[in-house]
Amino acid sequence: MTLTTSMQVFLAGLAGGLLLEFVHWYGLRRDAKLPEYAGKPLYWILSALMALVGGILAVLYFGSRAEAIVAVHIGISAPIILQKLMTTVAEPTGARGRAEFWSFFHW
């Protein structure tokens, strides 16, 4: 299905971000106790922001015309990519407190 407006592309990307959150909670369904962060507003605010980023990135990638499945895929992958970037930022280990160039590429 082809999306023909920016709002449709945004909503498809947003749906992808929300789908990722749903899959996370589906994976926890057999745990006897919910995680501690489940009741914290900050967690839900950040989750909503990550889903919004998925929608925004879909619009930035495609504008007002995209295939729905690809826009949803951008929404799903955006939080994962951002999370990976946040956890793999190069640490300042080089001379004069600067990060080594190659340390950025170590996963």
PDB file of N, CA and C in Angstrom:
ATOM      1  N   MET A   1       0.840  -1.158   0.000  1.00  0.00           N
ATOM      2  CA  MET A   1       0.000   0.000   0.000  1.00  0.00           C
ATOM      3  C   MET A   1       0.901   1.242   0.000  1.00  0.00           C
ATOM      4  N   THR A   2       0.566   2.177  -0.840  1.00  0.00           N
ATOM      5  CA  THR A   2       1.337   3.404  -0.936  1.00  0.00           C
ATOM      6  C   THR A   2       0.679   4.495  -0.096  1.00  0.00           C
ATOM      7  N   LEU A   3       1.489   5.117   0.742  1.00  0.00           N
ATOM      8  CA  LEU A   3       1.027   6.256   1.546  1.00  0.00           C
ATOM      9  C   LEU A   3       1.295   7.520   0.743  1.00  0.00           C
ATOM     10  N   THR A   4       0.345   8.451   0.763  1.00  0.00           N
ATOM     11  CA  THR A   4       0.460   9.610  -0.117  1.00  0.00           C
ATOM     12  C   THR A   4       0.478  10.953   0.595  1.00  0.00           C
ATOM     13  N   THR A   5       0.486  10.953   1.913  1.00  0.00           N
ATOM     14  CA  THR A   5       0.594  12.215   2.646  1.00  0.00           C
ATOM     15  C   THR A   5       1.656  12.073   3.736  1.00  0.00           C
ATOM     16  N   SER A   6       2.186  13.198   4.140  1.00  0.00           N
ATOM     17  CA  SER A   6       3.175  13.181   5.222  1.00  0.00           C
ATOM     18  C   SER A   6       2.585  12.628   6.513  1.00  0.00           C
ATOM     19  N   MET A   7       1.329  12.932   6.774  1.00  0.00           N
ATOM     20  CA  MET A   7       0.683  12.436   7.989  1.00  0.00           C
ATOM     21  C   MET A   7       0.562  10.919   7.961  1.00  0.00           C
ATOM     22  N   GLN A   8       0.232  10.343   6.818  1.00  0.00           N
ATOM     23  CA  GLN A   8       0.156   8.887   6.717  1.00  0.00           C
ATOM     24  C   GLN A   8       1.526   8.254   6.944  1.00  0.00           C
ATOM     25  N   VAL A   9       2.566   8.848   6.370  1.00  0.00           N
ATOM     26  CA  VAL A   9       3.926   8.330   6.548  1.00  0.00           C
ATOM     27  C   VAL A   9       4.325   8.437   8.016  1.00  0.00           C
ATOM     28  N   PHE A  10       4.018   9.582   8.641  1.00  0.00           N
ATOM     29  CA  PHE A  10       4.328   9.765  10.066  1.00  0.00           C
ATOM     30  C   PHE A  10       3.614   8.719  10.922  1.00  0.00           C
ATOM     31  N   LEU A  11       2.334   8.526  10.668  1.00  0.00           N
ATOM     32  CA  LEU A  11       1.562   7.570  11.469  1.00  0.00           C
ATOM     33  C   LEU A  11       2.055   6.138  11.276  1.00  0.00           C
ATOM     34  N   ALA A  12       2.492   5.795  10.069  1.00  0.00           N
ATOM     35  CA  ALA A  12       3.044   4.458   9.836  1.00  0.00           C
ATOM     36  C   ALA A  12       4.353   4.293  10.605  1.00  0.00           C
ATOM     37  N   GLY A  13       5.212   5.314  10.593  1.00  0.00           N
ATOM     38  CA  GLY A  13       6.455   5.253  11.365  1.00  0.00           C
ATOM     39  C   GLY A  13       6.182   5.191  12.855  1.00  0.00           C
ATOM     40  N   LEU A  14       5.228   5.963  13.310  1.00  0.00           N
ATOM     41  CA  LEU A  14       4.820   5.938  14.711  1.00  0.00           C
ATOM     42  C   LEU A  14       4.301   4.550  15.090  1.00  0.00           C
ATOM     43  N   ALA A  15       3.498   3.961  14.212  1.00  0.00           N
ATOM     44  CA  ALA A  15       2.973   2.618  14.467  1.00  0.00           C
ATOM     45  C   ALA A  15       4.112   1.608  14.590  1.00  0.00           C
ATOM     46  N   GLY A  16       5.159   1.779  13.802  1.00  0.00           N
ATOM     47  CA  GLY A  16       6.317   0.896  13.909  1.00  0.00           C
ATOM     48  C   GLY A  16       6.984   1.012  15.262  1.00  0.00           C
ATOM     49  N   GLY A  17       7.148   2.244  15.752  1.00  0.00           N
ATOM     50  CA  GLY A  17       7.727   2.449  17.075  1.00  0.00           C
ATOM     51  C   GLY A  17       6.861   1.856  18.184  1.00  0.00           C
ATOM     52  N   LEU A  18       5.560   2.004  18.047  1.00  0.00           N
ATOM     53  CA  LEU A  18       4.644   1.425  19.042  1.00  0.00           C
ATOM     54  C   LEU A  18       4.643  -0.098  18.966  1.00  0.00           C
ATOM     55  N   LEU A  19       4.775  -0.626  17.757  1.00  0.00           N
ATOM     56  CA  LEU A  19       4.837  -2.076  17.589  1.00  0.00           C
ATOM     57  C   LEU A  19       6.053  -2.650  18.298  1.00  0.00           C
ATOM     58  N   LEU A  20       7.170  -1.951  18.227  1.00  0.00           N
ATOM     59  CA  LEU A  20       8.372  -2.398  18.923  1.00  0.00           C
ATOM     60  C   LEU A  20       8.134  -2.455  20.435  1.00  0.00           C
ATOM     61  N   GLU A  21       7.473  -1.448  20.969  1.00  0.00           N
ATOM     62  CA  GLU A  21       7.165  -1.427  22.403  1.00  0.00           C
ATOM     63  C   GLU A  21       6.218  -2.577  22.765  1.00  0.00           C
ATOM     64  N   PHE A  22       5.244  -2.820  21.914  1.00  0.00           N
ATOM     65  CA  PHE A  22       4.314  -3.927  22.142  1.00  0.00           C
ATOM     66  C   PHE A  22       5.054  -5.263  22.180  1.00  0.00           C
ATOM     67  N   VAL A  23       5.976  -5.461  21.251  1.00  0.00           N
ATOM     68  CA  VAL A  23       6.746  -6.706  21.204  1.00  0.00           C
ATOM     69  C   VAL A  23       7.579  -6.862  22.479  1.00  0.00           C
ATOM     70  N   HIS A  24       8.117  -5.741  22.978  1.00  0.00           N
ATOM     71  CA  HIS A  24       8.871  -5.784  24.241  1.00  0.00           C
ATOM     72  C   HIS A  24       7.992  -6.304  25.373  1.00  0.00           C
ATOM     73  N   TRP A  25       6.794  -5.749  25.500  1.00  0.00           N
ATOM     74  CA  TRP A  25       5.913  -6.155  26.593  1.00  0.00           C
ATOM     75  C   TRP A  25       5.343  -7.554  26.364  1.00  0.00           C
ATOM     76  N   TYR A  26       5.172  -7.940  25.129  1.00  0.00           N
ATOM     77  CA  TYR A  26       4.725  -9.298  24.835  1.00  0.00           C
ATOM     78  C   TYR A  26       5.776 -10.307  25.290  1.00  0.00           C
ATOM     79  N   GLY A  27       7.041  -9.939  25.135  1.00  0.00           N
ATOM     80  CA  GLY A  27       8.122 -10.810  25.594  1.00  0.00           C
ATOM     81  C   GLY A  27       8.159 -10.981  27.102  1.00  0.00           C
ATOM     82  N   LEU A  28       7.591 -10.046  27.837  1.00  0.00           N
ATOM     83  CA  LEU A  28       7.580 -10.109  29.302  1.00  0.00           C
ATOM     84  C   LEU A  28       6.311 -10.745  29.868  1.00  0.00           C
ATOM     85  N   ARG A  29       5.450 -11.240  29.012  1.00  0.00           N
ATOM     86  CA  ARG A  29       4.131 -11.695  29.455  1.00  0.00           C
ATOM     87  C   ARG A  29       4.166 -12.858  30.442  1.00  0.00           C
ATOM     88  N   ARG A  30       5.213 -13.651  30.416  1.00  0.00           N
ATOM     89  CA  ARG A  30       5.270 -14.816  31.300  1.00  0.00           C
ATOM     90  C   ARG A  30       5.952 -14.534  32.629  1.00  0.00           C
ATOM     91  N   ASP A  31       6.518 -13.345  32.774  1.00  0.00           N
ATOM     92  CA  ASP A  31       7.152 -12.990  34.045  1.00  0.00           C
ATOM     93  C   ASP A  31       6.079 -12.809  35.113  1.00  0.00           C
ATOM     94  N   ALA A  32       6.354 -13.315  36.289  1.00  0.00           N
ATOM     95  CA  ALA A  32       5.389 -13.220  37.379  1.00  0.00           C
ATOM     96  C   ALA A  32       5.216 -11.779  37.853  1.00  0.00           C
ATOM     97  N   LYS A  33       6.271 -10.995  37.746  1.00  0.00           N
ATOM     98  CA  LYS A  33       6.227  -9.617  38.233  1.00  0.00           C
ATOM     99  C   LYS A  33       6.680  -8.675  37.115  1.00  0.00           C
ATOM    100  N   LEU A  34       5.984  -7.567  36.999  1.00  0.00           N
ATOM    101  CA  LEU A  34       6.374  -6.575  36.004  1.00  0.00           C
ATOM    102  C   LEU A  34       7.702  -5.930  36.402  1.00  0.00           C
ATOM    103  N   PRO A  35       8.475  -5.482  35.422  1.00  0.00           N
ATOM    104  CA  PRO A  35       9.724  -4.787  35.754  1.00  0.00           C
ATOM    105  C   PRO A  35       9.447  -3.512  36.550  1.00  0.00           C
ATOM    106  N   GLU A  36      10.415  -3.111  37.338  1.00  0.00           N
ATOM    107  CA  GLU A  36      10.257  -1.929  38.193  1.00  0.00           C
ATOM    108  C   GLU A  36       9.967  -0.669  37.377  1.00  0.00           C
ATOM    109  N   TYR A  37      10.562  -0.569  36.196  1.00  0.00           N
ATOM    110  CA  TYR A  37      10.394   0.634  35.383  1.00  0.00           C
ATOM    111  C   TYR A  37       8.992   0.756  34.785  1.00  0.00           C
ATOM    112  N   ALA A  38       8.188  -0.297  34.845  1.00  0.00           N
ATOM    113  CA  ALA A  38       6.854  -0.270  34.248  1.00  0.00           C
ATOM    114  C   ALA A  38       5.958   0.803  34.871  1.00  0.00           C
ATOM    115  N   GLY A  39       6.171   1.125  36.123  1.00  0.00           N
ATOM    116  CA  GLY A  39       5.341   2.112  36.792  1.00  0.00           C
ATOM    117  C   GLY A  39       5.921   3.518  36.814  1.00  0.00           C
ATOM    118  N   LYS A  40       7.043   3.703  36.143  1.00  0.00           N
ATOM    119  CA  LYS A  40       7.692   5.016  36.171  1.00  0.00           C
ATOM    120  C   LYS A  40       7.292   5.850  34.960  1.00  0.00           C
ATOM    121  N   PRO A  41       6.794   7.051  35.203  1.00  0.00           N
ATOM    122  CA  PRO A  41       6.374   7.908  34.092  1.00  0.00           C
ATOM    123  C   PRO A  41       7.491   8.214  33.098  1.00  0.00           C
ATOM    124  N   LEU A  42       8.725   8.339  33.579  1.00  0.00           N
ATOM    125  CA  LEU A  42       9.836   8.652  32.688  1.00  0.00           C
ATOM    126  C   LEU A  42      10.009   7.573  31.621  1.00  0.00           C
ATOM    127  N   TYR A  43       9.838   6.330  31.998  1.00  0.00           N
ATOM    128  CA  TYR A  43       9.945   5.233  31.027  1.00  0.00           C
ATOM    129  C   TYR A  43       8.919   5.402  29.910  1.00  0.00           C
ATOM    130  N   TRP A  44       7.682   5.687  30.280  1.00  0.00           N
ATOM    131  CA  TRP A  44       6.613   5.809  29.287  1.00  0.00           C
ATOM    132  C   TRP A  44       6.792   7.059  28.439  1.00  0.00           C
ATOM    133  N   ILE A  45       7.292   8.127  29.031  1.00  0.00           N
ATOM    134  CA  ILE A  45       7.556   9.347  28.255  1.00  0.00           C
ATOM    135  C   ILE A  45       8.642   9.070  27.218  1.00  0.00           C
ATOM    136  N   LEU A  46       9.727   8.420  27.654  1.00  0.00           N
ATOM    137  CA  LEU A  46      10.810   8.111  26.720  1.00  0.00           C
ATOM    138  C   LEU A  46      10.353   7.120  25.652  1.00  0.00           C
ATOM    139  N   SER A  47       9.530   6.169  26.010  1.00  0.00           N
ATOM    140  CA  SER A  47       9.007   5.227  25.021  1.00  0.00           C
ATOM    141  C   SER A  47       8.154   5.951  23.983  1.00  0.00           C
ATOM    142  N   ALA A  48       7.322   6.870  24.436  1.00  0.00           N
ATOM    143  CA  ALA A  48       6.497   7.653  23.511  1.00  0.00           C
ATOM    144  C   ALA A  48       7.370   8.529  22.612  1.00  0.00           C
ATOM    145  N   LEU A  49       8.410   9.122  23.184  1.00  0.00           N
ATOM    146  CA  LEU A  49       9.315   9.946  22.382  1.00  0.00           C
ATOM    147  C   LEU A  49      10.039   9.114  21.330  1.00  0.00           C
ATOM    148  N   MET A  50      10.436   7.908  21.680  1.00  0.00           N
ATOM    149  CA  MET A  50      11.110   7.050  20.713  1.00  0.00           C
ATOM    150  C   MET A  50      10.164   6.669  19.575  1.00  0.00           C
ATOM    151  N   ALA A  51       8.906   6.409  19.887  1.00  0.00           N
ATOM    152  CA  ALA A  51       7.927   6.116  18.840  1.00  0.00           C
ATOM    153  C   ALA A  51       7.721   7.341  17.951  1.00  0.00           C
ATOM    154  N   LEU A  52       7.678   8.533  18.565  1.00  0.00           N
ATOM    155  CA  LEU A  52       7.559   9.769  17.784  1.00  0.00           C
ATOM    156  C   LEU A  52       8.756   9.962  16.871  1.00  0.00           C
ATOM    157  N   VAL A  53       9.944   9.649  17.360  1.00  0.00           N
ATOM    158  CA  VAL A  53      11.143   9.742  16.532  1.00  0.00           C
ATOM    159  C   VAL A  53      11.018   8.812  15.326  1.00  0.00           C
ATOM    160  N   GLY A  54      10.461   7.637  15.522  1.00  0.00           N
ATOM    161  CA  GLY A  54      10.231   6.728  14.404  1.00  0.00           C
ATOM    162  C   GLY A  54       9.346   7.354  13.338  1.00  0.00           C
ATOM    163  N   GLY A  55       8.299   8.038  13.766  1.00  0.00           N
ATOM    164  CA  GLY A  55       7.420   8.724  12.816  1.00  0.00           C
ATOM    165  C   GLY A  55       8.115   9.880  12.118  1.00  0.00           C
ATOM    166  N   ILE A  56       8.875  10.642  12.881  1.00  0.00           N
ATOM    167  CA  ILE A  56       9.599  11.787  12.311  1.00  0.00           C
ATOM    168  C   ILE A  56      10.644  11.314  11.307  1.00  0.00           C
ATOM    169  N   LEU A  57      11.392  10.284  11.652  1.00  0.00           N
ATOM    170  CA  LEU A  57      12.403   9.768  10.731  1.00  0.00           C
ATOM    171  C   LEU A  57      11.775   9.218   9.454  1.00  0.00           C
ATOM    172  N   ALA A  58      10.624   8.600   9.562  1.00  0.00           N
ATOM    173  CA  ALA A  58       9.947   8.108   8.361  1.00  0.00           C
ATOM    174  C   ALA A  58       9.603   9.270   7.432  1.00  0.00           C
ATOM    175  N   VAL A  59       9.134  10.367   7.994  1.00  0.00           N
ATOM    176  CA  VAL A  59       8.820  11.540   7.171  1.00  0.00           C
ATOM    177  C   VAL A  59      10.093  12.144   6.595  1.00  0.00           C
ATOM    178  N   LEU A  60      11.158  12.206   7.397  1.00  0.00           N
ATOM    179  CA  LEU A  60      12.422  12.743   6.892  1.00  0.00           C
ATOM    180  C   LEU A  60      12.979  11.881   5.763  1.00  0.00           C
ATOM    181  N   TYR A  61      12.853  10.583   5.875  1.00  0.00           N
ATOM    182  CA  TYR A  61      13.331   9.682   4.826  1.00  0.00           C
ATOM    183  C   TYR A  61      12.505   9.802   3.552  1.00  0.00           C
ATOM    184  N   PHE A  62      11.189   9.804   3.691  1.00  0.00           N
ATOM    185  CA  PHE A  62      10.323   9.618   2.531  1.00  0.00           C
ATOM    186  C   PHE A  62       9.462  10.824   2.160  1.00  0.00           C
ATOM    187  N   GLY A  63       9.323  11.784   3.028  1.00  0.00           N
ATOM    188  CA  GLY A  63       8.448  12.911   2.725  1.00  0.00           C
ATOM    189  C   GLY A  63       6.994  12.477   2.759  1.00  0.00           C
ATOM    190  N   SER A  64       6.280  12.772   1.688  1.00  0.00           N
ATOM    191  CA  SER A  64       4.843  12.500   1.687  1.00  0.00           C
ATOM    192  C   SER A  64       4.462  11.273   0.857  1.00  0.00           C
ATOM    193  N   ARG A  65       5.434  10.487   0.434  1.00  0.00           N
ATOM    194  CA  ARG A  65       5.106   9.304  -0.369  1.00  0.00           C
ATOM    195  C   ARG A  65       6.019   8.142   0.015  1.00  0.00           C
ATOM    196  N   ALA A  66       5.421   7.042   0.458  1.00  0.00           N
ATOM    197  CA  ALA A  66       6.208   5.873   0.863  1.00  0.00           C
ATOM    198  C   ALA A  66       5.324   4.634   0.832  1.00  0.00           C
ATOM    199  N   GLU A  67       5.967   3.502   0.734  1.00  0.00           N
ATOM    200  CA  GLU A  67       5.254   2.243   0.919  1.00  0.00           C
ATOM    201  C   GLU A  67       5.037   2.060   2.423  1.00  0.00           C
ATOM    202  N   ALA A  68       3.862   1.628   2.804  1.00  0.00           N
ATOM    203  CA  ALA A  68       3.501   1.539   4.221  1.00  0.00           C
ATOM    204  C   ALA A  68       4.448   0.637   4.997  1.00  0.00           C
ATOM    205  N   ILE A  69       4.772  -0.526   4.439  1.00  0.00           N
ATOM    206  CA  ILE A  69       5.614  -1.477   5.178  1.00  0.00           C
ATOM    207  C   ILE A  69       7.007  -0.902   5.413  1.00  0.00           C
ATOM    208  N   VAL A  70       7.512  -0.116   4.473  1.00  0.00           N
ATOM    209  CA  VAL A  70       8.845   0.464   4.630  1.00  0.00           C
ATOM    210  C   VAL A  70       8.813   1.572   5.688  1.00  0.00           C
ATOM    211  N   ALA A  71       7.756   2.366   5.714  1.00  0.00           N
ATOM    212  CA  ALA A  71       7.627   3.405   6.736  1.00  0.00           C
ATOM    213  C   ALA A  71       7.504   2.773   8.126  1.00  0.00           C
ATOM    214  N   VAL A  72       6.758   1.678   8.234  1.00  0.00           N
ATOM    215  CA  VAL A  72       6.648   0.964   9.514  1.00  0.00           C
ATOM    216  C   VAL A  72       8.018   0.418   9.916  1.00  0.00           C
ATOM    217  N   HIS A  73       8.750  -0.093   8.951  1.00  0.00           N
ATOM    218  CA  HIS A  73      10.085  -0.628   9.229  1.00  0.00           C
ATOM    219  C   HIS A  73      11.014   0.461   9.763  1.00  0.00           C
ATOM    220  N   ILE A  74      10.940   1.655   9.207  1.00  0.00           N
ATOM    221  CA  ILE A  74      11.738   2.776   9.721  1.00  0.00           C
ATOM    222  C   ILE A  74      11.332   3.071  11.159  1.00  0.00           C
ATOM    223  N   GLY A  75      10.048   3.050  11.444  1.00  0.00           N
ATOM    224  CA  GLY A  75       9.576   3.285  12.804  1.00  0.00           C
ATOM    225  C   GLY A  75      10.064   2.238  13.783  1.00  0.00           C
ATOM    226  N   ILE A  76      10.131   0.998  13.336  1.00  0.00           N
ATOM    227  CA  ILE A  76      10.631  -0.083  14.192  1.00  0.00           C
ATOM    228  C   ILE A  76      12.132   0.066  14.415  1.00  0.00           C
ATOM    229  N   SER A  77      12.857   0.364  13.358  1.00  0.00           N
ATOM    230  CA  SER A  77      14.319   0.369  13.460  1.00  0.00           C
ATOM    231  C   SER A  77      14.879   1.632  14.102  1.00  0.00           C
ATOM    232  N   ALA A  78      14.179   2.740  14.043  1.00  0.00           N
ATOM    233  CA  ALA A  78      14.711   3.996  14.591  1.00  0.00           C
ATOM    234  C   ALA A  78      15.071   3.896  16.070  1.00  0.00           C
ATOM    235  N   PRO A  79      14.193   3.414  16.940  1.00  0.00           N
ATOM    236  CA  PRO A  79      14.581   3.308  18.356  1.00  0.00           C
ATOM    237  C   PRO A  79      15.749   2.352  18.578  1.00  0.00           C
ATOM    238  N   ILE A  80      15.798   1.277  17.796  1.00  0.00           N
ATOM    239  CA  ILE A  80      16.892   0.316  17.951  1.00  0.00           C
ATOM    240  C   ILE A  80      18.217   0.956  17.556  1.00  0.00           C
ATOM    241  N   ILE A  81      18.224   1.676  16.439  1.00  0.00           N
ATOM    242  CA  ILE A  81      19.446   2.338  15.983  1.00  0.00           C
ATOM    243  C   ILE A  81      19.883   3.400  16.985  1.00  0.00           C
ATOM    244  N   LEU A  82      18.954   4.206  17.459  1.00  0.00           N
ATOM    245  CA  LEU A  82      19.295   5.247  18.440  1.00  0.00           C
ATOM    246  C   LEU A  82      19.813   4.635  19.734  1.00  0.00           C
ATOM    247  N   GLN A  83      19.207   3.550  20.177  1.00  0.00           N
ATOM    248  CA  GLN A  83      19.663   2.880  21.392  1.00  0.00           C
ATOM    249  C   GLN A  83      21.078   2.352  21.207  1.00  0.00           C
ATOM    250  N   LYS A  84      21.344   1.761  20.061  1.00  0.00           N
ATOM    251  CA  LYS A  84      22.674   1.236  19.785  1.00  0.00           C
ATOM    252  C   LYS A  84      23.699   2.367  19.738  1.00  0.00           C
ATOM    253  N   LEU A  85      23.350   3.477  19.127  1.00  0.00           N
ATOM    254  CA  LEU A  85      24.255   4.617  19.083  1.00  0.00           C
ATOM    255  C   LEU A  85      24.550   5.151  20.478  1.00  0.00           C
ATOM    256  N   MET A  86      23.543   5.187  21.334  1.00  0.00           N
ATOM    257  CA  MET A  86      23.733   5.708  22.680  1.00  0.00           C
ATOM    258  C   MET A  86      24.613   4.799  23.529  1.00  0.00           C
ATOM    259  N   THR A  87      24.585   3.505  23.265  1.00  0.00           N
ATOM    260  CA  THR A  87      25.378   2.581  24.077  1.00  0.00           C
ATOM    261  C   THR A  87      26.773   2.338  23.526  1.00  0.00           C
ATOM    262  N   THR A  88      27.050   2.803  22.314  1.00  0.00           N
ATOM    263  CA  THR A  88      28.360   2.550  21.717  1.00  0.00           C
ATOM    264  C   THR A  88      29.132   3.825  21.428  1.00  0.00           C
ATOM    265  N   VAL A  89      28.793   4.905  22.081  1.00  0.00           N
ATOM    266  CA  VAL A  89      29.521   6.148  21.884  1.00  0.00           C
ATOM    267  C   VAL A  89      30.967   5.938  22.314  1.00  0.00           C
ATOM    268  N   ALA A  90      31.882   6.451  21.507  1.00  0.00           N
ATOM    269  CA  ALA A  90      33.309   6.285  21.812  1.00  0.00           C
ATOM    270  C   ALA A  90      33.643   6.955  23.136  1.00  0.00           C
ATOM    271  N   GLU A  91      34.433   6.297  23.932  1.00  0.00           N
ATOM    272  CA  GLU A  91      34.845   6.842  25.222  1.00  0.00           C
ATOM    273  C   GLU A  91      36.145   7.617  25.053  1.00  0.00           C
ATOM    274  N   PRO A  92      36.341   8.677  25.829  1.00  0.00           N
ATOM    275  CA  PRO A  92      37.562   9.483  25.691  1.00  0.00           C
ATOM    276  C   PRO A  92      38.771   8.765  26.276  1.00  0.00           C
ATOM    277  N   THR A  93      39.421   7.943  25.464  1.00  0.00           N
ATOM    278  CA  THR A  93      40.563   7.171  25.953  1.00  0.00           C
ATOM    279  C   THR A  93      41.870   7.572  25.282  1.00  0.00           C
ATOM    280  N   GLY A  94      41.805   8.421  24.277  1.00  0.00           N
ATOM    281  CA  GLY A  94      43.013   8.787  23.551  1.00  0.00           C
ATOM    282  C   GLY A  94      43.808   9.853  24.271  1.00  0.00           C
ATOM    283  N   ALA A  95      44.885  10.277  23.625  1.00  0.00           N
ATOM    284  CA  ALA A  95      45.720  11.335  24.178  1.00  0.00           C
ATOM    285  C   ALA A  95      44.905  12.617  24.312  1.00  0.00           C
ATOM    286  N   ARG A  96      45.213  13.380  25.328  1.00  0.00           N
ATOM    287  CA  ARG A  96      44.525  14.652  25.598  1.00  0.00           C
ATOM    288  C   ARG A  96      43.018  14.481  25.794  1.00  0.00           C
ATOM    289  N   GLY A  97      42.594  13.306  26.237  1.00  0.00           N
ATOM    290  CA  GLY A  97      41.180  13.102  26.545  1.00  0.00           C
ATOM    291  C   GLY A  97      40.293  12.903  25.328  1.00  0.00           C
ATOM    292  N   ARG A  98      40.876  12.770  24.134  1.00  0.00           N
ATOM    293  CA  ARG A  98      40.066  12.554  22.935  1.00  0.00           C
ATOM    294  C   ARG A  98      39.914  11.065  22.670  1.00  0.00           C
ATOM    295  N   ALA A  99      38.798  10.714  22.071  1.00  0.00           N
ATOM    296  CA  ALA A  99      38.571   9.312  21.723  1.00  0.00           C
ATOM    297  C   ALA A  99      39.426   8.941  20.514  1.00  0.00           C
ATOM    298  N   GLU A 100      39.891   7.716  20.517  1.00  0.00           N
ATOM    299  CA  GLU A 100      40.607   7.201  19.355  1.00  0.00           C
ATOM    300  C   GLU A 100      39.620   7.045  18.199  1.00  0.00           C
ATOM    301  N   PHE A 101      40.061   7.300  16.999  1.00  0.00           N
ATOM    302  CA  PHE A 101      39.196   7.204  15.835  1.00  0.00           C
ATOM    303  C   PHE A 101      38.605   5.806  15.698  1.00  0.00           C
ATOM    304  N   TRP A 102      39.408   4.776  15.841  1.00  0.00           N
ATOM    305  CA  TRP A 102      38.947   3.411  15.623  1.00  0.00           C
ATOM    306  C   TRP A 102      38.063   2.893  16.755  1.00  0.00           C
ATOM    307  N   SER A 103      38.095   3.531  17.923  1.00  0.00           N
ATOM    308  CA  SER A 103      37.262   3.059  19.028  1.00  0.00           C
ATOM    309  C   SER A 103      35.777   3.217  18.719  1.00  0.00           C
ATOM    310  N   PHE A 104      35.456   4.130  17.811  1.00  0.00           N
ATOM    311  CA  PHE A 104      34.056   4.313  17.435  1.00  0.00           C
ATOM    312  C   PHE A 104      33.508   3.063  16.751  1.00  0.00           C
ATOM    313  N   PHE A 105      34.357   2.312  16.049  1.00  0.00           N
ATOM    314  CA  PHE A 105      33.908   1.181  15.274  1.00  0.00           C
ATOM    315  C   PHE A 105      33.918  -0.130  16.058  1.00  0.00           C
ATOM    316  N   HIS A 106      34.337  -0.115  17.298  1.00  0.00           N
ATOM    317  CA  HIS A 106      34.326  -1.331  18.118  1.00  0.00           C
ATOM    318  C   HIS A 106      32.951  -1.521  18.722  1.00  0.00           C
ATOM    319  N   TRP A 107      32.367  -2.704  18.528  1.00  0.00           N
ATOM    320  CA  TRP A 107      31.039  -3.004  19.039  1.00  0.00           C
ATOM    321  C   TRP A 107      31.205  -3.989  20.107  1.00  0.00           C
TER     322      TRP A 107
END
